[in-house]
C-alpha atoms as a PDB file:
ATOM      1  CA  MET A   1      61.230 -51.848 109.665  1.00  0.00           C
ATOM      2  CA  PRO A   2      63.017 -51.690 109.430  1.00  0.00           C
ATOM      3  CA  SER A   3      64.747 -52.684 107.432  1.00  0.00           C
ATOM      4  CA  ILE A   4      62.523 -51.503 108.828  1.00  0.00           C
ATOM      5  CA  ALA A   5      64.294 -52.342 105.768  1.00  0.00           C
ATOM      6  CA  SER A   6      61.716 -51.580 103.486  1.00  0.00           C
ATOM      7  CA  PRO A   7      60.088 -54.129 101.135  1.00  0.00           C
ATOM      8  CA  ALA A   8      60.387 -51.865  98.138  1.00  0.00           C
ATOM      9  CA  SER A   9      63.350 -49.743  98.974  1.00  0.00           C
ATOM     10  CA  GLY A  10      66.121 -51.997 100.323  1.00  0.00           C
ATOM     11  CA  GLY A  11      68.096 -51.978  97.060  1.00  0.00           C
ATOM     12  CA  ALA A  12      69.460 -48.430  96.955  1.00  0.00           C
ATOM     13  CA  ARG A  13      69.797 -47.543 100.606  1.00  0.00           C
ATOM     14  CA  ARG A  14      73.096 -46.702 102.230  1.00  0.00           C
ATOM     15  CA  ARG A  15      74.947 -47.674  99.004  1.00  0.00           C
ATOM     16  CA  TRP A  16      76.794 -44.408  98.594  1.00  0.00           C
ATOM     17  CA  ILE A  17      78.349 -44.644 102.088  1.00  0.00           C
ATOM     18  CA  LEU A  18      80.568 -47.522 101.136  1.00  0.00           C
ATOM     19  CA  GLY A  19      81.264 -46.339  97.591  1.00  0.00           C
ATOM     20  CA  ALA A  20      82.304 -49.278  95.502  1.00  0.00           C
ATOM     21  CA  ALA A  21      81.304 -51.855  98.124  1.00  0.00           C
ATOM     22  CA  GLY A  22      78.119 -52.700  96.262  1.00  0.00           C
ATOM     23  CA  ALA A  23      79.618 -52.837  92.771  1.00  0.00           C
ATOM     24  CA  ALA A  24      79.849 -56.167  90.976  1.00  0.00           C
ATOM     25  CA  LEU A  25      78.728 -58.117  94.035  1.00  0.00           C
ATOM     26  CA  ALA A  26      75.919 -60.141  92.487  1.00  0.00           C
ATOM     27  CA  ALA A  27      77.940 -63.365  92.407  1.00  0.00           C
ATOM     28  CA  PRO A  28      78.350 -65.458  95.557  1.00  0.00           C
ATOM     29  CA  TRP A  29      81.218 -64.227  97.720  1.00  0.00           C
ATOM     30  CA  VAL A  30      83.286 -66.184 100.232  1.00  0.00           C
ATOM     31  CA  ALA A  31      85.083 -65.226 103.454  1.00  0.00           C
ATOM     32  CA  GLY A  32      86.804 -67.412 106.001  1.00  0.00           C
ATOM     33  CA  ARG A  33      89.063 -70.459 105.989  1.00  0.00           C
ATOM     34  CA  ALA A  34      88.087 -74.050 106.614  1.00  0.00           C
ATOM     35  CA  GLN A  35      84.760 -75.847 106.428  1.00  0.00           C
ATOM     36  CA  GLY A  36      83.023 -76.833 109.624  1.00  0.00           C
ATOM     37  CA  ILE A  37      79.291 -76.890 110.380  1.00  0.00           C
ATOM     38  CA  GLY A  38      77.793 -79.892 108.617  1.00  0.00           C
ATOM     39  CA  GLY A  39      81.009 -80.253 106.607  1.00  0.00           C
ATOM     40  CA  LYS A  40      79.816 -77.403 104.385  1.00  0.00           C
ATOM     41  CA  PRO A  41      80.404 -73.643 104.186  1.00  0.00           C
ATOM     42  CA  VAL A  42      77.930 -71.411 106.002  1.00  0.00           C
ATOM     43  CA  THR A  43      75.818 -69.553 103.452  1.00  0.00           C
ATOM     44  CA  LEU A  44      74.257 -66.210 104.329  1.00  0.00           C
ATOM     45  CA  VAL A  45      71.244 -66.062 102.021  1.00  0.00           C
ATOM     46  CA  VAL A  46      70.480 -62.356 101.578  1.00  0.00           C
ATOM     47  CA  SER A  47      66.908 -61.386 100.782  1.00  0.00           C
ATOM     48  CA  TYR A  48      67.739 -58.245  98.773  1.00  0.00           C
ATOM     49  CA  PRO A  49      70.015 -57.433  95.812  1.00  0.00           C
ATOM     50  CA  ALA A  50      73.735 -56.778  95.868  1.00  0.00           C
ATOM     51  CA  GLY A  51      74.529 -53.240  97.007  1.00  0.00           C
ATOM     52  CA  GLY A  52      71.433 -52.864  99.190  1.00  0.00           C
ATOM     53  CA  GLY A  53      71.392 -52.422 102.938  1.00  0.00           C
ATOM     54  CA  ALA A  54      70.953 -56.109 103.835  1.00  0.00           C
ATOM     55  CA  ASP A  55      73.672 -57.085 101.360  1.00  0.00           C
ATOM     56  CA  LEU A  56      76.111 -54.545 102.783  1.00  0.00           C
ATOM     57  CA  MET A  57      75.498 -55.876 106.286  1.00  0.00           C
ATOM     58  CA  ALA A  58      76.163 -59.429 105.081  1.00  0.00           C
ATOM     59  CA  ARG A  59      79.459 -58.441 103.476  1.00  0.00           C
ATOM     60  CA  ILE A  60      80.523 -56.419 106.509  1.00  0.00           C
ATOM     61  CA  ILE A  61      79.989 -59.305 108.900  1.00  0.00           C
ATOM     62  CA  ALA A  62      80.916 -62.320 106.733  1.00  0.00           C
ATOM     63  CA  PRO A  63      84.723 -62.054 107.036  1.00  0.00           C
ATOM     64  CA  ARG A  64      84.642 -61.734 110.815  1.00  0.00           C
ATOM     65  CA  LEU A  65      82.011 -64.444 111.163  1.00  0.00           C
ATOM     66  CA  GLY A  66      84.195 -66.724 109.066  1.00  0.00           C
ATOM     67  CA  GLU A  67      87.113 -66.051 111.384  1.00  0.00           C
ATOM     68  CA  ALA A  68      84.989 -66.627 114.482  1.00  0.00           C
ATOM     69  CA  LEU A  69      83.648 -69.943 113.183  1.00  0.00           C
ATOM     70  CA  GLY A  70      86.909 -71.004 111.584  1.00  0.00           C
ATOM     71  CA  GLN A  71      85.205 -71.868 108.301  1.00  0.00           C
ATOM     72  CA  ASN A  72      84.000 -70.476 105.009  1.00  0.00           C
ATOM     73  CA  VAL A  73      81.110 -67.999 104.995  1.00  0.00           C
ATOM     74  CA  VAL A  74      79.403 -67.467 101.646  1.00  0.00           C
ATOM     75  CA  VAL A  75      77.109 -64.527 100.775  1.00  0.00           C
ATOM     76  CA  ASP A  76      74.404 -65.514  98.276  1.00  0.00           C
ATOM     77  CA  ASN A  77      71.785 -62.984  97.127  1.00  0.00           C
ATOM     78  CA  LYS A  78      68.291 -64.320  96.392  1.00  0.00           C
ATOM     79  CA  PRO A  79      66.198 -61.144  96.031  1.00  0.00           C
ATOM     80  CA  GLY A  80      62.532 -60.862  95.205  1.00  0.00           C
ATOM     81  CA  ALA A  81      58.998 -60.804  96.636  1.00  0.00           C
ATOM     82  CA  SER A  82      59.976 -58.556  99.539  1.00  0.00           C
ATOM     83  CA  GLY A  83      62.389 -61.165 100.872  1.00  0.00           C
ATOM     84  CA  GLN A  84      60.070 -64.139 100.493  1.00  0.00           C
ATOM     85  CA  ILE A  85      62.167 -65.930  97.848  1.00  0.00           C
ATOM     86  CA  ALA A  86      65.163 -66.039 100.167  1.00  0.00           C
ATOM     87  CA  GLY A  87      62.933 -66.859 103.130  1.00  0.00           C
ATOM     88  CA  ALA A  88      61.326 -69.820 101.395  1.00  0.00           C
ATOM     89  CA  TYR A  89      64.730 -71.129 100.316  1.00  0.00           C
ATOM     90  CA  VAL A  90      66.107 -71.062 103.863  1.00  0.00           C
ATOM     91  CA  ALA A  91      62.888 -72.414 105.399  1.00  0.00           C
ATOM     92  CA  ARG A  92      63.268 -75.542 103.210  1.00  0.00           C
ATOM     93  CA  ALA A  93      66.991 -75.978 103.951  1.00  0.00           C
ATOM     94  CA  THR A  94      68.415 -78.687 106.201  1.00  0.00           C
ATOM     95  CA  PRO A  95      68.622 -77.264 109.759  1.00  0.00           C
ATOM     96  CA  ASP A  96      72.310 -78.007 110.256  1.00  0.00           C
ATOM     97  CA  GLY A  97      73.534 -74.405 110.531  1.00  0.00           C
ATOM     98  CA  SER A  98      74.988 -74.253 107.036  1.00  0.00           C
ATOM     99  CA  THR A  99      72.175 -72.157 105.514  1.00  0.00           C
ATOM    100  CA  LEU A 100      71.129 -68.908 107.207  1.00  0.00           C
ATOM    101  CA  LEU A 101      68.781 -66.086 106.233  1.00  0.00           C
ATOM    102  CA  LEU A 102      70.011 -62.501 106.484  1.00  0.00           C
ATOM    103  CA  ASP A 103      66.917 -60.373 105.997  1.00  0.00           C
ATOM    104  CA  ALA A 104      65.648 -56.846 106.579  1.00  0.00           C
ATOM    105  CA  SER A 105      62.914 -55.402 108.780  1.00  0.00           C
ATOM    106  CA  SER A 106      60.385 -56.380 106.094  1.00  0.00           C
ATOM    107  CA  PHE A 107      60.609 -59.837 107.687  1.00  0.00           C
ATOM    108  CA  ALA A 108      58.343 -58.543 110.463  1.00  0.00           C
ATOM    109  CA  VAL A 109      55.917 -56.794 108.108  1.00  0.00           C
ATOM    110  CA  ASN A 110      55.393 -59.462 105.448  1.00  0.00           C
ATOM    111  CA  PRO A 111      53.018 -61.704 107.449  1.00  0.00           C
ATOM    112  CA  ALA A 112      50.575 -58.802 107.750  1.00  0.00           C
ATOM    113  CA  LEU A 113      50.935 -57.640 104.140  1.00  0.00           C
ATOM    114  CA  TYR A 114      50.966 -61.074 102.504  1.00  0.00           C
ATOM    115  CA  PRO A 115      48.375 -63.417 104.054  1.00  0.00           C
ATOM    116  CA  LYS A 116      49.452 -66.255 101.731  1.00  0.00           C
ATOM    117  CA  MET A 117      53.163 -66.967 102.086  1.00  0.00           C
ATOM    118  CA  ALA A 118      55.189 -70.077 101.255  1.00  0.00           C
ATOM    119  CA  TYR A 119      56.164 -70.469 104.924  1.00  0.00           C
ATOM    120  CA  ASP A 120      54.929 -69.657 108.414  1.00  0.00           C
ATOM    121  CA  THR A 121      57.193 -66.895 109.696  1.00  0.00           C
ATOM    122  CA  ASP A 122      56.612 -67.909 113.318  1.00  0.00           C
ATOM    123  CA  LYS A 123      57.312 -71.623 112.822  1.00  0.00           C
ATOM    124  CA  ALA A 124      59.768 -71.915 109.921  1.00  0.00           C
ATOM    125  CA  PHE A 125      62.815 -70.270 111.501  1.00  0.00           C
ATOM    126  CA  THR A 126      65.102 -70.236 114.509  1.00  0.00           C
ATOM    127  CA  PRO A 127      66.068 -66.602 115.298  1.00  0.00           C
ATOM    128  CA  LEU A 128      69.795 -66.222 115.918  1.00  0.00           C
ATOM    129  CA  ALA A 129      70.499 -62.505 116.078  1.00  0.00           C
ATOM    130  CA  VAL A 130      69.589 -58.981 115.109  1.00  0.00           C
ATOM    131  CA  LEU A 131      72.781 -57.493 113.717  1.00  0.00           C
ATOM    132  CA  ALA A 132      72.087 -53.769 113.804  1.00  0.00           C
ATOM    133  CA  THR A 133      69.350 -51.161 113.938  1.00  0.00           C
ATOM    134  CA  PHE A 134      69.106 -48.054 111.759  1.00  0.00           C
ATOM    135  CA  PRO A 135      66.906 -45.041 112.473  1.00  0.00           C
ATOM    136  CA  ASN A 136      64.996 -43.083 109.880  1.00  0.00           C
ATOM    137  CA  VAL A 137      64.661 -39.326 109.799  1.00  0.00           C
ATOM    138  CA  LEU A 138      61.632 -37.262 108.861  1.00  0.00           C
ATOM    139  CA  VAL A 139      62.851 -34.772 106.268  1.00  0.00           C
ATOM    140  CA  CYS A 140      61.106 -32.078 104.281  1.00  0.00           C
ATOM    141  CA  SER A 141      61.801 -30.041 101.187  1.00  0.00           C
ATOM    142  CA  ALA A 142      64.056 -27.062 101.821  1.00  0.00           C
ATOM    143  CA  GLY A 143      61.268 -24.655 100.904  1.00  0.00           C
ATOM    144  CA  PHE A 144      58.520 -26.318 102.937  1.00  0.00           C
ATOM    145  CA  GLN A 145      56.889 -23.936 105.384  1.00  0.00           C
ATOM    146  CA  ALA A 146      57.043 -26.272 108.392  1.00  0.00           C
ATOM    147  CA  ARG A 147      60.130 -25.771 110.542  1.00  0.00           C
ATOM    148  CA  SER A 148      59.350 -28.465 113.108  1.00  0.00           C
ATOM    149  CA  VAL A 149      57.300 -31.598 113.661  1.00  0.00           C
ATOM    150  CA  GLN A 150      54.738 -29.535 115.555  1.00  0.00           C
ATOM    151  CA  ASP A 151      54.432 -27.266 112.512  1.00  0.00           C
ATOM    152  CA  VAL A 152      53.728 -30.356 110.372  1.00  0.00           C
ATOM    153  CA  ILE A 153      51.071 -31.493 112.824  1.00  0.00           C
ATOM    154  CA  ALA A 154      49.447 -28.058 112.872  1.00  0.00           C
ATOM    155  CA  LEU A 155      49.363 -27.924 109.064  1.00  0.00           C
ATOM    156  CA  ALA A 156      47.953 -31.433 108.831  1.00  0.00           C
ATOM    157  CA  ARG A 157      45.210 -30.660 111.338  1.00  0.00           C
ATOM    158  CA  ALA A 158      44.318 -27.454 109.530  1.00  0.00           C
ATOM    159  CA  LYS A 159      44.164 -29.261 106.167  1.00  0.00           C
ATOM    160  CA  PRO A 160      43.373 -32.949 106.795  1.00  0.00           C
ATOM    161  CA  GLY A 161      44.588 -35.203 103.987  1.00  0.00           C
ATOM    162  CA  GLU A 162      46.375 -32.429 102.098  1.00  0.00           C
ATOM    163  CA  VAL A 163      49.904 -32.541 103.535  1.00  0.00           C
ATOM    164  CA  ALA A 164      51.687 -35.293 101.611  1.00  0.00           C
ATOM    165  CA  TYR A 165      54.571 -37.652 102.261  1.00  0.00           C
ATOM    166  CA  ALA A 166      56.434 -39.762  99.724  1.00  0.00           C
ATOM    167  CA  SER A 167      57.386 -43.417 100.050  1.00  0.00           C
ATOM    168  CA  SER A 168      59.101 -46.067  97.962  1.00  0.00           C
ATOM    169  CA  GLY A 169      55.818 -47.941  97.540  1.00  0.00           C
ATOM    170  CA  ASN A 170      52.740 -49.320  99.232  1.00  0.00           C
ATOM    171  CA  GLY A 171      53.711 -51.318 102.292  1.00  0.00           C
ATOM    172  CA  SER A 172      57.265 -49.957 102.304  1.00  0.00           C
ATOM    173  CA  ALA A 173      59.122 -48.836 105.396  1.00  0.00           C
ATOM    174  CA  GLN A 174      58.408 -45.185 104.609  1.00  0.00           C
ATOM    175  CA  HIS A 175      54.707 -45.899 104.084  1.00  0.00           C
ATOM    176  CA  LEU A 176      54.464 -47.654 107.432  1.00  0.00           C
ATOM    177  CA  ALA A 177      56.483 -44.935 109.167  1.00  0.00           C
ATOM    178  CA  GLY A 178      54.039 -42.359 107.832  1.00  0.00           C
ATOM    179  CA  ALA A 179      51.028 -44.435 108.851  1.00  0.00           C
ATOM    180  CA  LEU A 180      52.373 -44.796 112.390  1.00  0.00           C
ATOM    181  CA  PHE A 181      53.061 -41.047 112.496  1.00  0.00           C
ATOM    182  CA  GLU A 182      49.446 -40.361 111.526  1.00  0.00           C
ATOM    183  CA  GLU A 183      48.243 -42.620 114.313  1.00  0.00           C
ATOM    184  CA  ARG A 184      50.556 -41.310 117.031  1.00  0.00           C
ATOM    185  CA  ALA A 185      50.211 -37.632 116.060  1.00  0.00           C
ATOM    186  CA  GLY A 186      46.459 -37.808 115.445  1.00  0.00           C
ATOM    187  CA  VAL A 187      46.605 -36.422 111.902  1.00  0.00           C
ATOM    188  CA  ARG A 188      45.688 -37.490 108.389  1.00  0.00           C
ATOM    189  CA  LEU A 189      48.309 -37.146 105.641  1.00  0.00           C
ATOM    190  CA  SER A 190      48.319 -37.965 101.949  1.00  0.00           C
ATOM    191  CA  HIS A 191      50.524 -40.919 100.989  1.00  0.00           C
ATOM    192  CA  ILE A 192      52.302 -40.679  97.613  1.00  0.00           C
ATOM    193  CA  PRO A 193      53.908 -44.027  96.666  1.00  0.00           C
ATOM    194  CA  TYR A 194      56.844 -44.176  94.240  1.00  0.00           C
ATOM    195  CA  ARG A 195      58.709 -47.014  92.571  1.00  0.00           C
ATOM    196  CA  GLY A 196      61.714 -46.864  94.852  1.00  0.00           C
ATOM    197  CA  GLY A 197      63.295 -44.624  97.449  1.00  0.00           C
ATOM    198  CA  GLY A 198      65.520 -42.741  94.996  1.00  0.00           C
ATOM    199  CA  PRO A 199      62.686 -41.239  92.910  1.00  0.00           C
ATOM    200  CA  ALA A 200      60.752 -40.439  96.074  1.00  0.00           C
ATOM    201  CA  MET A 201      63.653 -38.547  97.619  1.00  0.00           C
ATOM    202  CA  ASN A 202      64.357 -36.707  94.372  1.00  0.00           C
ATOM    203  CA  ASP A 203      60.808 -35.374  94.231  1.00  0.00           C
ATOM    204  CA  VAL A 204      60.965 -34.298  97.868  1.00  0.00           C
ATOM    205  CA  MET A 205      64.187 -32.382  97.178  1.00  0.00           C
ATOM    206  CA  ALA A 206      62.489 -30.826  94.144  1.00  0.00           C
ATOM    207  CA  GLY A 207      59.549 -29.725  96.275  1.00  0.00           C
ATOM    208  CA  GLN A 208      56.995 -31.918  94.499  1.00  0.00           C
ATOM    209  CA  VAL A 209      56.121 -33.684  97.774  1.00  0.00           C
ATOM    210  CA  PRO A 210      57.015 -32.039 101.099  1.00  0.00           C
ATOM    211  CA  LEU A 211      57.755 -34.964 103.453  1.00  0.00           C
ATOM    212  CA  PHE A 212      59.740 -38.217 103.444  1.00  0.00           C
ATOM    213  CA  PHE A 213      60.756 -40.697 106.157  1.00  0.00           C
ATOM    214  CA  ALA A 214      64.277 -41.277 104.876  1.00  0.00           C
ATOM    215  CA  ASN A 215      67.107 -43.538 105.911  1.00  0.00           C
ATOM    216  CA  VAL A 216      69.629 -41.435 107.843  1.00  0.00           C
ATOM    217  CA  ALA A 217      72.614 -42.566 105.788  1.00  0.00           C
ATOM    218  CA  SER A 218      71.026 -41.913 102.401  1.00  0.00           C
ATOM    219  CA  ALA A 219      69.658 -38.525 103.461  1.00  0.00           C
ATOM    220  CA  LEU A 220      72.658 -37.230 105.396  1.00  0.00           C
ATOM    221  CA  GLY A 221      74.504 -35.639 102.485  1.00  0.00           C
ATOM    222  CA  HIS A 222      71.355 -33.893 101.270  1.00  0.00           C
ATOM    223  CA  ILE A 223      70.617 -32.620 104.773  1.00  0.00           C
ATOM    224  CA  ARG A 224      74.119 -31.213 105.122  1.00  0.00           C
ATOM    225  CA  SER A 225      73.939 -29.586 101.682  1.00  0.00           C
ATOM    226  CA  GLY A 226      70.625 -27.910 102.545  1.00  0.00           C
ATOM    227  CA  LYS A 227      68.571 -29.781  99.947  1.00  0.00           C
ATOM    228  CA  LEU A 228      66.567 -31.419 102.729  1.00  0.00           C
ATOM    229  CA  ARG A 229      65.707 -30.252 106.237  1.00  0.00           C
ATOM    230  CA  ALA A 230      65.675 -32.776 109.067  1.00  0.00           C
ATOM    231  CA  LEU A 231      62.753 -32.503 111.481  1.00  0.00           C
ATOM    232  CA  ALA A 232      63.107 -35.554 113.747  1.00  0.00           C
ATOM    233  CA  VAL A 233      64.758 -38.951 113.922  1.00  0.00           C
ATOM    234  CA  THR A 234      62.595 -42.006 114.498  1.00  0.00           C
ATOM    235  CA  ALA A 235      64.726 -43.766 117.131  1.00  0.00           C
ATOM    236  CA  ALA A 236      64.553 -43.481 120.901  1.00  0.00           C
ATOM    237  CA  LEU A 237      67.922 -41.692 120.938  1.00  0.00           C
ATOM    238  CA  ARG A 238      69.332 -38.977 118.718  1.00  0.00           C
ATOM    239  CA  ALA A 239      71.466 -40.101 115.787  1.00  0.00           C
ATOM    240  CA  ARG A 240      75.235 -39.647 116.152  1.00  0.00           C
ATOM    241  CA  SER A 241      75.390 -38.116 112.692  1.00  0.00           C
ATOM    242  CA  LEU A 242      72.518 -35.677 113.434  1.00  0.00           C
ATOM    243  CA  PRO A 243      73.017 -34.716 117.088  1.00  0.00           C
ATOM    244  CA  GLU A 244      71.080 -31.461 116.726  1.00  0.00           C
ATOM    245  CA  VAL A 245      67.945 -33.178 115.381  1.00  0.00           C
ATOM    246  CA  PRO A 246      65.388 -34.191 118.056  1.00  0.00           C
ATOM    247  CA  THR A 247      63.767 -37.582 118.384  1.00  0.00           C
ATOM    248  CA  MET A 248      60.053 -37.907 117.662  1.00  0.00           C
ATOM    249  CA  THR A 249      59.416 -38.171 121.389  1.00  0.00           C
ATOM    250  CA  GLU A 250      61.356 -34.964 122.004  1.00  0.00           C
ATOM    251  CA  ALA A 251      59.363 -33.349 119.184  1.00  0.00           C
ATOM    252  CA  GLY A 252      56.123 -34.214 120.944  1.00  0.00           C
ATOM    253  CA  VAL A 253      55.034 -37.461 119.244  1.00  0.00           C
ATOM    254  CA  ARG A 254      54.853 -40.067 121.991  1.00  0.00           C
ATOM    255  CA  LYS A 255      55.411 -43.826 121.622  1.00  0.00           C
ATOM    256  CA  TYR A 256      56.866 -43.412 118.161  1.00  0.00           C
ATOM    257  CA  GLU A 257      59.876 -45.489 117.181  1.00  0.00           C
ATOM    258  CA  VAL A 258      60.649 -46.821 113.704  1.00  0.00           C
ATOM    259  CA  LEU A 259      63.847 -48.740 113.067  1.00  0.00           C
ATOM    260  CA  GLU A 260      65.225 -50.670 110.168  1.00  0.00           C
ATOM    261  CA  TRP A 261      67.129 -53.779 111.213  1.00  0.00           C
ATOM    262  CA  ASN A 262      68.756 -56.930 109.914  1.00  0.00           C
ATOM    263  CA  PRO A 263      67.926 -60.309 111.478  1.00  0.00           C
ATOM    264  CA  VAL A 264      69.804 -63.563 110.987  1.00  0.00           C
ATOM    265  CA  LEU A 265      67.702 -66.730 111.141  1.00  0.00           C
ATOM    266  CA  ALA A 266      68.247 -70.451 110.643  1.00  0.00           C
ATOM    267  CA  PRO A 267      65.679 -73.043 109.586  1.00  0.00           C
ATOM    268  CA  ALA A 268      63.474 -74.417 112.349  1.00  0.00           C
ATOM    269  CA  GLY A 269      64.811 -77.503 114.084  1.00  0.00           C
ATOM    270  CA  LEU A 270      68.355 -76.234 114.503  1.00  0.00           C
ATOM    271  CA  PRO A 271      70.213 -78.219 117.189  1.00  0.00           C
ATOM    272  CA  ALA A 272      70.814 -76.212 120.367  1.00  0.00           C
ATOM    273  CA  ALA A 273      74.591 -76.687 120.253  1.00  0.00           C
ATOM    274  CA  THR A 274      74.749 -75.449 116.663  1.00  0.00           C
ATOM    275  CA  ARG A 275      72.615 -72.439 117.537  1.00  0.00           C
ATOM    276  CA  THR A 276      74.928 -71.582 120.414  1.00  0.00           C
ATOM    277  CA  ARG A 277      77.981 -71.824 118.188  1.00  0.00           C
ATOM    278  CA  LEU A 278      76.434 -69.593 115.515  1.00  0.00           C
ATOM    279  CA  VAL A 279      75.198 -66.990 118.000  1.00  0.00           C
ATOM    280  CA  ASP A 280      78.615 -66.862 119.664  1.00  0.00           C
ATOM    281  CA  GLY A 281      80.240 -66.403 116.255  1.00  0.00           C
ATOM    282  CA  ILE A 282      77.879 -63.562 115.349  1.00  0.00           C
ATOM    283  CA  ARG A 283      78.474 -61.881 118.708  1.00  0.00           C
ATOM    284  CA  LYS A 284      82.218 -62.078 118.204  1.00  0.00           C
ATOM    285  CA  ALA A 285      81.922 -60.649 114.692  1.00  0.00           C
ATOM    286  CA  LEU A 286      79.769 -57.755 115.901  1.00  0.00           C
ATOM    287  CA  GLY A 287      82.316 -57.003 118.604  1.00  0.00           C
ATOM    288  CA  ASP A 288      85.034 -56.339 116.036  1.00  0.00           C
ATOM    289  CA  ALA A 289      86.080 -52.660 115.989  1.00  0.00           C
ATOM    290  CA  GLU A 290      86.061 -52.436 112.192  1.00  0.00           C
ATOM    291  CA  VAL A 291      82.598 -53.978 111.950  1.00  0.00           C
ATOM    292  CA  LEU A 292      81.261 -51.537 114.552  1.00  0.00           C
ATOM    293  CA  ALA A 293      82.850 -48.578 112.758  1.00  0.00           C
ATOM    294  CA  ARG A 294      81.358 -49.570 109.413  1.00  0.00           C
ATOM    295  CA  ILE A 295      77.885 -50.035 110.894  1.00  0.00           C
ATOM    296  CA  ARG A 296      78.101 -46.608 112.515  1.00  0.00           C
ATOM    297  CA  ALA A 297      79.271 -45.125 109.211  1.00  0.00           C
ATOM    298  CA  LEU A 298      75.970 -46.340 107.777  1.00  0.00           C
ATOM    299  CA  GLY A 299      74.097 -44.475 110.531  1.00  0.00           C
ATOM    300  CA  GLY A 300      73.330 -47.526 112.628  1.00  0.00           C
ATOM    301  CA  ASP A 301      74.226 -49.241 115.874  1.00  0.00           C
ATOM    302  CA  VAL A 302      74.875 -52.843 116.793  1.00  0.00           C
ATOM    303  CA  PHE A 303      71.774 -54.441 118.325  1.00  0.00           C
ATOM    304  CA  ALA A 304      71.440 -53.226 121.898  1.00  0.00           C
ATOM    305  CA  ASP A 305      71.405 -56.707 123.471  1.00  0.00           C
ATOM    306  CA  ALA A 306      74.964 -57.967 123.008  1.00  0.00           C
ATOM    307  CA  SER A 307      73.967 -61.425 124.250  1.00  0.00           C
ATOM    308  CA  GLN A 308      71.317 -61.697 121.478  1.00  0.00           C
ATOM    309  CA  ALA A 309      69.089 -63.404 124.060  1.00  0.00           C
ATOM    310  CA  SER A 310      66.240 -61.019 123.239  1.00  0.00           C
ATOM    311  CA  ALA A 311      66.573 -61.151 119.437  1.00  0.00           C
ATOM    312  CA  GLY A 312      63.575 -63.458 119.024  1.00  0.00           C
ATOM    313  CA  ALA A 313      61.447 -61.360 121.363  1.00  0.00           C
ATOM    314  CA  PHE A 314      62.438 -58.194 119.469  1.00  0.00           C
ATOM    315  CA  ILE A 315      61.392 -59.753 116.152  1.00  0.00           C
ATOM    316  CA  ARG A 316      58.047 -60.893 117.590  1.00  0.00           C
ATOM    317  CA  ALA A 317      57.393 -57.439 119.056  1.00  0.00           C
ATOM    318  CA  GLN A 318      58.102 -55.838 115.684  1.00  0.00           C
ATOM    319  CA  GLN A 319      55.716 -58.281 114.006  1.00  0.00           C
ATOM    320  CA  GLY A 320      53.005 -57.374 116.483  1.00  0.00           C
ATOM    321  CA  GLN A 321      53.517 -53.637 116.097  1.00  0.00           C
ATOM    322  CA  TRP A 322      53.391 -53.629 112.317  1.00  0.00           C
ATOM    323  CA  ALA A 323      50.540 -56.114 112.087  1.00  0.00           C
ATOM    324  CA  GLN A 324      48.448 -53.709 114.132  1.00  0.00           C
ATOM    325  CA  VAL A 325      49.469 -50.714 111.998  1.00  0.00           C
ATOM    326  CA  VAL A 326      48.699 -52.594 108.760  1.00  0.00           C
ATOM    327  CA  ARG A 327      45.348 -53.697 110.122  1.00  0.00           C
ATOM    328  CA  ASP A 328      44.332 -50.375 111.679  1.00  0.00           C
ATOM    329  CA  ARG A 329      45.366 -48.314 108.651  1.00  0.00           C
ATOM    330  CA  ASN A 330      44.045 -50.845 106.112  1.00  0.00           C
ATOM    331  CA  ILE A 331      47.396 -50.973 104.307  1.00  0.00           C
ATOM    332  CA  SER A 332      47.857 -53.267 101.329  1.00  0.00           C
ATOM    333  CA  VAL A 333      50.527 -53.785  98.690  1.00  0.00           C
ATOM    334  CA  GLY A 334      48.032 -53.454  95.850  1.00  0.00           C
END
């Protein structure tokens, strides 16, 4: 999650942080110098539209990755079907390192939500890296009576199914975050799906729906202005931008962690030497001070394992977690 980057909400998130960074970026974009791997540029195929969270991560890292590899790096957006259009394109590509998938946390959720996909997520790709992780934050309307997570739990237990939370759609990151909260807190909420994160957040600020599991970056300005009240962040550690806001664990909800994240994957069958070269290039790019600063400006952190040795295991663990939530909560995209 995710991303989780969310299947239905990746497009608008974190856009305002970088201002004009997302404007007029729909066309393929190139960074770097010479050509190298396979005699072709390296193409980062992004699963969501220009200006969204996955796209911003691609454009942050592409210049430094190009420098590290000593060759051109192209960003090419192929949005649609919750990332499956881009995924299918990369899964069919020649495994020579020239075509890579830069996805969102929906990559780990899709196999559970979409039983019939054009590729086998477990077999079609070679995981290279997880670039960064981004926490969410449980926010409420400014006038909502709950002042803490425990207040929310008490209200939900007193009125099962009546306390509502908004999301950007069925199966989205916010929907899954709410479903996991229900499970871990032992409550039953009412899920209100919207067509996108923007409309959902607007109605929460207006008091139409009290709760929302928002991206930290997109909610930060509204929290600081008093239009939203932050109750807890969904990561294991407090967010740098919200140091006074407790984690879910600190707020009394155990074993609760929801992150949005951006994986980079190659087609299956990638030669070991090419994989090593790409992983080393990504590691070098993530170690750049400007890249780190821009990721932190978006409310995130570089993936905790600098070696990227555990990236594949992290992705598999996320798949397992969300498959269980989807199954246990009977979540569908319909």
